[in-house]
PDB file of N, CA and C in Angstrom:
ATOM      1  N   MET A   1      29.240 -88.695  -0.363  1.00  0.00           N
ATOM      2  CA  MET A   1      30.596 -89.004  -0.719  1.00  0.00           C
ATOM      3  C   MET A   1      30.559 -90.006  -1.677  1.00  0.00           C
ATOM      4  N   ASN A   2      31.393 -89.895  -2.768  1.00  0.00           N
ATOM      5  CA  ASN A   2      31.324 -90.997  -3.869  1.00  0.00           C
ATOM      6  C   ASN A   2      32.392 -92.080  -3.388  1.00  0.00           C
ATOM      7  N   GLN A   3      32.346 -93.216  -4.020  1.00  0.00           N
ATOM      8  CA  GLN A   3      32.967 -94.352  -3.643  1.00  0.00           C
ATOM      9  C   GLN A   3      34.632 -94.215  -3.672  1.00  0.00           C
ATOM     10  N   SER A   4      35.071 -93.418  -4.571  1.00  0.00           N
ATOM     11  CA  SER A   4      36.484 -93.127  -4.638  1.00  0.00           C
ATOM     12  C   SER A   4      36.958 -92.356  -3.412  1.00  0.00           C
ATOM     13  N   ALA A   5      36.091 -91.378  -3.144  1.00  0.00           N
ATOM     14  CA  ALA A   5      36.366 -90.418  -1.913  1.00  0.00           C
ATOM     15  C   ALA A   5      36.427 -91.310  -0.590  1.00  0.00           C
ATOM     16  N   GLU A   6      35.432 -92.243  -0.482  1.00  0.00           N
ATOM     17  CA  GLU A   6      35.274 -93.131   0.634  1.00  0.00           C
ATOM     18  C   GLU A   6      36.630 -94.008   0.772  1.00  0.00           C
ATOM     19  N   LEU A   7      36.772 -94.694  -0.419  1.00  0.00           N
ATOM     20  CA  LEU A   7      38.133 -95.544  -0.285  1.00  0.00           C
ATOM     21  C   LEU A   7      39.309 -94.789   0.224  1.00  0.00           C
ATOM     22  N   HIS A   8      39.493 -93.443  -0.488  1.00  0.00           N
ATOM     23  CA  HIS A   8      40.648 -92.637  -0.031  1.00  0.00           C
ATOM     24  C   HIS A   8      40.399 -92.297   1.430  1.00  0.00           C
ATOM     25  N   ASN A   9      39.453 -92.036   1.957  1.00  0.00           N
ATOM     26  CA  ASN A   9      39.356 -91.759   3.363  1.00  0.00           C
ATOM     27  C   ASN A   9      39.532 -92.917   4.201  1.00  0.00           C
ATOM     28  N   GLU A  10      39.158 -94.177   3.893  1.00  0.00           N
ATOM     29  CA  GLU A  10      39.222 -95.375   4.517  1.00  0.00           C
ATOM     30  C   GLU A  10      40.826 -95.673   4.564  1.00  0.00           C
ATOM     31  N   ALA A  11      41.460 -95.411   3.445  1.00  0.00           N
ATOM     32  CA  ALA A  11      42.920 -95.682   3.364  1.00  0.00           C
ATOM     33  C   ALA A  11      43.726 -94.670   4.221  1.00  0.00           C
ATOM     34  N   LEU A  12      43.195 -93.486   4.137  1.00  0.00           N
ATOM     35  CA  LEU A  12      43.941 -92.292   4.988  1.00  0.00           C
ATOM     36  C   LEU A  12      43.567 -92.679   6.535  1.00  0.00           C
ATOM     37  N   LEU A  13      42.463 -92.917   6.896  1.00  0.00           N
ATOM     38  CA  LEU A  13      42.154 -93.248   8.438  1.00  0.00           C
ATOM     39  C   LEU A  13      43.045 -94.407   8.888  1.00  0.00           C
ATOM     40  N   SER A  14      43.146 -95.438   8.075  1.00  0.00           N
ATOM     41  CA  SER A  14      43.872 -96.571   8.362  1.00  0.00           C
ATOM     42  C   SER A  14      45.458 -96.194   8.561  1.00  0.00           C
ATOM     43  N   ALA A  15      45.961 -95.396   7.566  1.00  0.00           N
ATOM     44  CA  ALA A  15      47.299 -95.050   7.697  1.00  0.00           C
ATOM     45  C   ALA A  15      47.516 -94.105   8.902  1.00  0.00           C
ATOM     46  N   TYR A  16      46.660 -93.210   9.335  1.00  0.00           N
ATOM     47  CA  TYR A  16      46.721 -92.363  10.429  1.00  0.00           C
ATOM     48  C   TYR A  16      46.810 -93.213  11.669  1.00  0.00           C
ATOM     49  N   ASN A  17      45.832 -94.215  11.697  1.00  0.00           N
ATOM     50  CA  ASN A  17      45.806 -95.048  12.976  1.00  0.00           C
ATOM     51  C   ASN A  17      46.974 -95.981  13.071  1.00  0.00           C
ATOM     52  N   ALA A  18      47.407 -96.514  11.993  1.00  0.00           N
ATOM     53  CA  ALA A  18      48.730 -97.234  11.924  1.00  0.00           C
ATOM     54  C   ALA A  18      49.831 -96.500  12.462  1.00  0.00           C
ATOM     55  N   ALA A  19      49.961 -95.244  12.004  1.00  0.00           N
ATOM     56  CA  ALA A  19      51.043 -94.340  12.373  1.00  0.00           C
ATOM     57  C   ALA A  19      51.010 -94.128  13.938  1.00  0.00           C
ATOM     58  N   PHE A  20      49.751 -93.834  14.284  1.00  0.00           N
ATOM     59  CA  PHE A  20      49.573 -93.621  15.839  1.00  0.00           C
ATOM     60  C   PHE A  20      49.942 -94.709  16.648  1.00  0.00           C
ATOM     61  N   SER A  21      49.475 -95.788  16.307  1.00  0.00           N
ATOM     62  CA  SER A  21      49.899 -97.029  16.894  1.00  0.00           C
ATOM     63  C   SER A  21      51.378 -97.419  16.823  1.00  0.00           C
ATOM     64  N   ASP A  22      52.017 -97.315  15.731  1.00  0.00           N
ATOM     65  CA  ASP A  22      53.456 -97.522  15.528  1.00  0.00           C
ATOM     66  C   ASP A  22      54.351 -96.536  16.448  1.00  0.00           C
ATOM     67  N   LEU A  23      53.963 -95.397  16.729  1.00  0.00           N
ATOM     68  CA  LEU A  23      54.438 -94.394  17.456  1.00  0.00           C
ATOM     69  C   LEU A  23      54.268 -94.572  18.819  1.00  0.00           C
ATOM     70  N   GLY A  24      53.208 -95.417  19.288  1.00  0.00           N
ATOM     71  CA  GLY A  24      52.860 -95.512  20.565  1.00  0.00           C
ATOM     72  C   GLY A  24      51.940 -94.639  21.105  1.00  0.00           C
ATOM     73  N   LEU A  25      51.123 -93.899  20.389  1.00  0.00           N
ATOM     74  CA  LEU A  25      50.203 -92.959  20.716  1.00  0.00           C
ATOM     75  C   LEU A  25      48.794 -93.461  20.814  1.00  0.00           C
ATOM     76  N   ARG A  26      48.141 -93.106  21.728  1.00  0.00           N
ATOM     77  CA  ARG A  26      46.926 -93.689  21.956  1.00  0.00           C
ATOM     78  C   ARG A  26      45.725 -92.859  21.396  1.00  0.00           C
ATOM     79  N   PHE A  27      46.061 -92.615  20.114  1.00  0.00           N
ATOM     80  CA  PHE A  27      45.120 -91.705  19.321  1.00  0.00           C
ATOM     81  C   PHE A  27      44.333 -92.717  18.388  1.00  0.00           C
ATOM     82  N   ARG A  28      43.185 -92.408  17.981  1.00  0.00           N
ATOM     83  CA  ARG A  28      42.252 -93.242  17.140  1.00  0.00           C
ATOM     84  C   ARG A  28      41.322 -92.216  16.368  1.00  0.00           C
ATOM     85  N   TRP A  29      41.652 -92.099  15.088  1.00  0.00           N
ATOM     86  CA  TRP A  29      40.841 -91.263  14.249  1.00  0.00           C
ATOM     87  C   TRP A  29      39.690 -92.130  13.607  1.00  0.00           C
ATOM     88  N   SER A  30      38.761 -91.307  13.476  1.00  0.00           N
ATOM     89  CA  SER A  30      37.588 -91.867  12.661  1.00  0.00           C
ATOM     90  C   SER A  30      37.097 -90.896  11.720  1.00  0.00           C
ATOM     91  N   GLN A  31      36.213 -91.182  10.893  1.00  0.00           N
ATOM     92  CA  GLN A  31      35.529 -90.229  10.018  1.00  0.00           C
ATOM     93  C   GLN A  31      35.113 -89.034  10.691  1.00  0.00           C
ATOM     94  N   ALA A  32      34.599 -89.240  11.884  1.00  0.00           N
ATOM     95  CA  ALA A  32      34.041 -87.889  12.628  1.00  0.00           C
ATOM     96  C   ALA A  32      35.200 -87.153  12.908  1.00  0.00           C
ATOM     97  N   THR A  33      36.320 -87.638  13.107  1.00  0.00           N
ATOM     98  CA  THR A  33      37.453 -86.803  13.437  1.00  0.00           C
ATOM     99  C   THR A  33      37.933 -85.999  12.186  1.00  0.00           C
ATOM    100  N   LEU A  34      38.038 -86.770  11.077  1.00  0.00           N
ATOM    101  CA  LEU A  34      38.389 -85.898   9.760  1.00  0.00           C
ATOM    102  C   LEU A  34      37.253 -84.939   9.456  1.00  0.00           C
ATOM    103  N   ASP A  35      35.991 -85.170   9.566  1.00  0.00           N
ATOM    104  CA  ASP A  35      34.871 -84.252   9.433  1.00  0.00           C
ATOM    105  C   ASP A  35      35.051 -82.975  10.350  1.00  0.00           C
ATOM    106  N   PHE A  36      35.441 -83.265  11.665  1.00  0.00           N
ATOM    107  CA  PHE A  36      35.631 -82.139  12.650  1.00  0.00           C
ATOM    108  C   PHE A  36      36.742 -81.211  12.146  1.00  0.00           C
ATOM    109  N   PHE A  37      37.683 -81.746  11.574  1.00  0.00           N
ATOM    110  CA  PHE A  37      38.987 -80.811  11.164  1.00  0.00           C
ATOM    111  C   PHE A  37      38.866 -80.455   9.688  1.00  0.00           C
ATOM    112  N   ASP A  38      37.590 -80.777   9.070  1.00  0.00           N
ATOM    113  CA  ASP A  38      37.475 -80.551   7.642  1.00  0.00           C
ATOM    114  C   ASP A  38      37.907 -79.226   7.173  1.00  0.00           C
ATOM    115  N   ASP A  39      37.664 -78.136   8.105  1.00  0.00           N
ATOM    116  CA  ASP A  39      37.957 -76.813   7.603  1.00  0.00           C
ATOM    117  C   ASP A  39      39.420 -76.592   7.724  1.00  0.00           C
ATOM    118  N   VAL A  40      40.236 -77.439   7.985  1.00  0.00           N
ATOM    119  CA  VAL A  40      41.719 -77.234   8.256  1.00  0.00           C
ATOM    120  C   VAL A  40      42.292 -78.063   6.934  1.00  0.00           C
ATOM    121  N   SER A  41      42.754 -77.454   5.928  1.00  0.00           N
ATOM    122  CA  SER A  41      43.030 -78.185   4.760  1.00  0.00           C
ATOM    123  C   SER A  41      44.615 -78.653   4.795  1.00  0.00           C
ATOM    124  N   ASN A  42      45.401 -78.122   5.563  1.00  0.00           N
ATOM    125  CA  ASN A  42      46.721 -78.420   5.567  1.00  0.00           C
ATOM    126  C   ASN A  42      46.926 -79.618   6.586  1.00  0.00           C
ATOM    127  N   GLU A  43      47.500 -80.769   6.096  1.00  0.00           N
ATOM    128  CA  GLU A  43      47.481 -81.993   7.019  1.00  0.00           C
ATOM    129  C   GLU A  43      48.223 -81.734   8.448  1.00  0.00           C
ATOM    130  N   LEU A  44      49.470 -81.112   8.112  1.00  0.00           N
ATOM    131  CA  LEU A  44      50.263 -80.776   9.326  1.00  0.00           C
ATOM    132  C   LEU A  44      49.530 -80.007  10.398  1.00  0.00           C
ATOM    133  N   THR A  45      48.788 -78.911   9.768  1.00  0.00           N
ATOM    134  CA  THR A  45      48.028 -78.046  10.634  1.00  0.00           C
ATOM    135  C   THR A  45      47.013 -78.835  11.305  1.00  0.00           C
ATOM    136  N   ARG A  46      46.214 -79.688  10.610  1.00  0.00           N
ATOM    137  CA  ARG A  46      45.246 -80.540  11.215  1.00  0.00           C
ATOM    138  C   ARG A  46      45.702 -81.384  12.403  1.00  0.00           C
ATOM    139  N   ILE A  47      46.816 -81.996  12.124  1.00  0.00           N
ATOM    140  CA  ILE A  47      47.466 -82.938  13.140  1.00  0.00           C
ATOM    141  C   ILE A  47      47.805 -82.105  14.377  1.00  0.00           C
ATOM    142  N   THR A  48      48.493 -80.842  14.124  1.00  0.00           N
ATOM    143  CA  THR A  48      48.829 -80.036  15.326  1.00  0.00           C
ATOM    144  C   THR A  48      47.522 -79.623  15.998  1.00  0.00           C
ATOM    145  N   ALA A  49      46.571 -79.118  15.391  1.00  0.00           N
ATOM    146  CA  ALA A  49      45.272 -78.782  16.008  1.00  0.00           C
ATOM    147  C   ALA A  49      44.513 -79.820  16.732  1.00  0.00           C
ATOM    148  N   TYR A  50      44.670 -80.966  16.359  1.00  0.00           N
ATOM    149  CA  TYR A  50      44.108 -82.320  17.021  1.00  0.00           C
ATOM    150  C   TYR A  50      44.941 -82.430  18.323  1.00  0.00           C
ATOM    151  N   ILE A  51      46.138 -82.357  18.262  1.00  0.00           N
ATOM    152  CA  ILE A  51      47.072 -82.623  19.450  1.00  0.00           C
ATOM    153  C   ILE A  51      46.784 -81.437  20.480  1.00  0.00           C
ATOM    154  N   GLU A  52      46.721 -80.288  19.967  1.00  0.00           N
ATOM    155  CA  GLU A  52      46.595 -79.119  20.804  1.00  0.00           C
ATOM    156  C   GLU A  52      45.139 -79.199  21.591  1.00  0.00           C
ATOM    157  N   ARG A  53      44.138 -79.683  20.783  1.00  0.00           N
ATOM    158  CA  ARG A  53      42.853 -79.678  21.344  1.00  0.00           C
ATOM    159  C   ARG A  53      42.705 -80.967  22.303  1.00  0.00           C
ATOM    160  N   PHE A  54      43.128 -82.098  21.882  1.00  0.00           N
ATOM    161  CA  PHE A  54      42.841 -83.358  22.620  1.00  0.00           C
ATOM    162  C   PHE A  54      43.937 -83.977  23.392  1.00  0.00           C
ATOM    163  N   HIS A  55      45.193 -83.739  23.171  1.00  0.00           N
ATOM    164  CA  HIS A  55      46.293 -84.171  23.757  1.00  0.00           C
ATOM    165  C   HIS A  55      47.290 -83.254  24.103  1.00  0.00           C
ATOM    166  N   ALA A  56      46.836 -82.030  24.704  1.00  0.00           N
ATOM    167  CA  ALA A  56      47.839 -80.995  24.958  1.00  0.00           C
ATOM    168  C   ALA A  56      48.993 -81.382  25.909  1.00  0.00           C
ATOM    169  N   HIS A  57      48.639 -82.280  26.804  1.00  0.00           N
ATOM    170  CA  HIS A  57      49.677 -82.797  27.747  1.00  0.00           C
ATOM    171  C   HIS A  57      50.884 -83.188  27.024  1.00  0.00           C
ATOM    172  N   LEU A  58      50.784 -83.658  25.732  1.00  0.00           N
ATOM    173  CA  LEU A  58      52.045 -84.245  25.116  1.00  0.00           C
ATOM    174  C   LEU A  58      53.019 -82.957  24.726  1.00  0.00           C
ATOM    175  N   LEU A  59      52.463 -81.959  24.722  1.00  0.00           N
ATOM    176  CA  LEU A  59      53.194 -80.565  24.417  1.00  0.00           C
ATOM    177  C   LEU A  59      54.173 -80.298  25.456  1.00  0.00           C
ATOM    178  N   ASN A  60      54.006 -80.940  26.626  1.00  0.00           N
ATOM    179  CA  ASN A  60      54.869 -80.743  27.747  1.00  0.00           C
ATOM    180  C   ASN A  60      56.263 -81.469  27.476  1.00  0.00           C
ATOM    181  N   ALA A  61      56.152 -82.583  26.671  1.00  0.00           N
ATOM    182  CA  ALA A  61      57.435 -83.355  26.339  1.00  0.00           C
ATOM    183  C   ALA A  61      57.826 -83.112  24.911  1.00  0.00           C
ATOM    184  N   TYR A  62      57.024 -82.664  23.915  1.00  0.00           N
ATOM    185  CA  TYR A  62      57.327 -82.707  22.595  1.00  0.00           C
ATOM    186  C   TYR A  62      56.776 -81.351  21.921  1.00  0.00           C
ATOM    187  N   ASP A  63      57.682 -80.903  20.980  1.00  0.00           N
ATOM    188  CA  ASP A  63      57.383 -79.694  20.317  1.00  0.00           C
ATOM    189  C   ASP A  63      56.244 -80.121  19.272  1.00  0.00           C
ATOM    190  N   ALA A  64      55.123 -79.370  19.164  1.00  0.00           N
ATOM    191  CA  ALA A  64      53.991 -79.639  18.409  1.00  0.00           C
ATOM    192  C   ALA A  64      54.441 -79.821  16.923  1.00  0.00           C
ATOM    193  N   ASP A  65      55.295 -78.958  16.407  1.00  0.00           N
ATOM    194  CA  ASP A  65      55.677 -79.159  15.105  1.00  0.00           C
ATOM    195  C   ASP A  65      56.472 -80.431  14.756  1.00  0.00           C
ATOM    196  N   PHE A  66      57.266 -80.763  15.744  1.00  0.00           N
ATOM    197  CA  PHE A  66      58.129 -82.026  15.569  1.00  0.00           C
ATOM    198  C   PHE A  66      57.140 -83.153  15.653  1.00  0.00           C
ATOM    199  N   LEU A  67      56.259 -83.207  16.720  1.00  0.00           N
ATOM    200  CA  LEU A  67      55.320 -84.431  16.808  1.00  0.00           C
ATOM    201  C   LEU A  67      54.424 -84.540  15.474  1.00  0.00           C
ATOM    202  N   ALA A  68      53.832 -83.420  15.043  1.00  0.00           N
ATOM    203  CA  ALA A  68      52.955 -83.319  13.858  1.00  0.00           C
ATOM    204  C   ALA A  68      53.723 -83.855  12.646  1.00  0.00           C
ATOM    205  N   GLN A  69      54.961 -83.465  12.373  1.00  0.00           N
ATOM    206  CA  GLN A  69      55.763 -83.923  11.265  1.00  0.00           C
ATOM    207  C   GLN A  69      56.000 -85.457  11.366  1.00  0.00           C
ATOM    208  N   LEU A  70      56.329 -85.975  12.671  1.00  0.00           N
ATOM    209  CA  LEU A  70      56.684 -87.343  12.719  1.00  0.00           C
ATOM    210  C   LEU A  70      55.433 -88.096  12.445  1.00  0.00           C
ATOM    211  N   ILE A  71      54.278 -87.765  12.919  1.00  0.00           N
ATOM    212  CA  ILE A  71      53.018 -88.475  12.593  1.00  0.00           C
ATOM    213  C   ILE A  71      52.720 -88.309  11.129  1.00  0.00           C
ATOM    214  N   PHE A  72      52.833 -87.225  10.497  1.00  0.00           N
ATOM    215  CA  PHE A  72      52.725 -87.029   9.140  1.00  0.00           C
ATOM    216  C   PHE A  72      53.569 -87.927   8.248  1.00  0.00           C
ATOM    217  N   ASP A  73      54.867 -87.898   8.582  1.00  0.00           N
ATOM    218  CA  ASP A  73      55.720 -88.799   7.664  1.00  0.00           C
ATOM    219  C   ASP A  73      55.428 -90.214   7.969  1.00  0.00           C
ATOM    220  N   ARG A  74      55.107 -90.603   9.092  1.00  0.00           N
ATOM    221  CA  ARG A  74      54.722 -91.971   9.439  1.00  0.00           C
ATOM    222  C   ARG A  74      53.516 -92.339   8.692  1.00  0.00           C
ATOM    223  N   LYS A  75      52.588 -91.515   8.745  1.00  0.00           N
ATOM    224  CA  LYS A  75      51.257 -91.783   8.151  1.00  0.00           C
ATOM    225  C   LYS A  75      51.330 -91.938   6.535  1.00  0.00           C
ATOM    226  N   ASN A  76      52.265 -91.021   5.934  1.00  0.00           N
ATOM    227  CA  ASN A  76      52.581 -91.136   4.559  1.00  0.00           C
ATOM    228  C   ASN A  76      53.106 -92.453   4.226  1.00  0.00           C
ATOM    229  N   GLN A  77      54.061 -92.900   5.024  1.00  0.00           N
ATOM    230  CA  GLN A  77      54.738 -94.191   4.744  1.00  0.00           C
ATOM    231  C   GLN A  77      53.589 -95.279   4.744  1.00  0.00           C
ATOM    232  N   PHE A  78      52.755 -95.460   5.610  1.00  0.00           N
ATOM    233  CA  PHE A  78      51.827 -96.401   5.763  1.00  0.00           C
ATOM    234  C   PHE A  78      50.654 -96.130   4.498  1.00  0.00           C
ATOM    235  N   TYR A  79      50.307 -95.079   4.185  1.00  0.00           N
ATOM    236  CA  TYR A  79      49.540 -94.726   3.198  1.00  0.00           C
ATOM    237  C   TYR A  79      50.176 -95.133   1.710  1.00  0.00           C
ATOM    238  N   ARG A  80      51.271 -94.891   1.500  1.00  0.00           N
ATOM    239  CA  ARG A  80      51.891 -95.277   0.297  1.00  0.00           C
ATOM    240  C   ARG A  80      52.024 -96.990   0.193  1.00  0.00           C
ATOM    241  N   ASP A  81      52.421 -97.516   1.377  1.00  0.00           N
ATOM    242  CA  ASP A  81      52.537 -99.008   1.406  1.00  0.00           C
ATOM    243  C   ASP A  81      51.066 -99.506   1.075  1.00  0.00           C
ATOM    244  N   SER A  82      50.034 -98.972   1.627  1.00  0.00           N
ATOM    245  CA  SER A  82      48.738 -99.596   1.531  1.00  0.00           C
ATOM    246  C   SER A  82      48.160 -99.418   0.071  1.00  0.00           C
ATOM    247  N   THR A  83      48.408 -98.357  -0.524  1.00  0.00           N
ATOM    248  CA  THR A  83      47.939 -98.064  -1.857  1.00  0.00           C
ATOM    249  C   THR A  83      48.745 -98.626  -2.951  1.00  0.00           C
ATOM    250  N   ALA A  84      49.954 -99.253  -2.595  1.00  0.00           N
ATOM    251  CA  ALA A  84      50.879 -99.775  -3.607  1.00  0.00           C
ATOM    252  C   ALA A  84      50.472-101.136  -3.762  1.00  0.00           C
ATOM    253  N   GLN A  85      49.710-101.859  -2.897  1.00  0.00           N
ATOM    254  CA  GLN A  85      49.371-103.244  -3.019  1.00  0.00           C
ATOM    255  C   GLN A  85      48.212-103.376  -3.975  1.00  0.00           C
TER     256      GLN A  85
END
């Protein structure tokens, strides 16, 4: 992986983990998580797949699409803020 891709992934992971924390979710993503879902190109689908596989109990209280969109939007906010600095 080139340096630019590594920096992007670091910023992406930081944004995801900040979003999870901000939303009170006990998720923590690493590079291994991104690699595991590498074949899922759409981020919303990736988030939904992660929830369904590792935190399915949340689907008793939340609609998967709603929760994935909430995480995605919050992650994008943190990502924009971090890359604007």
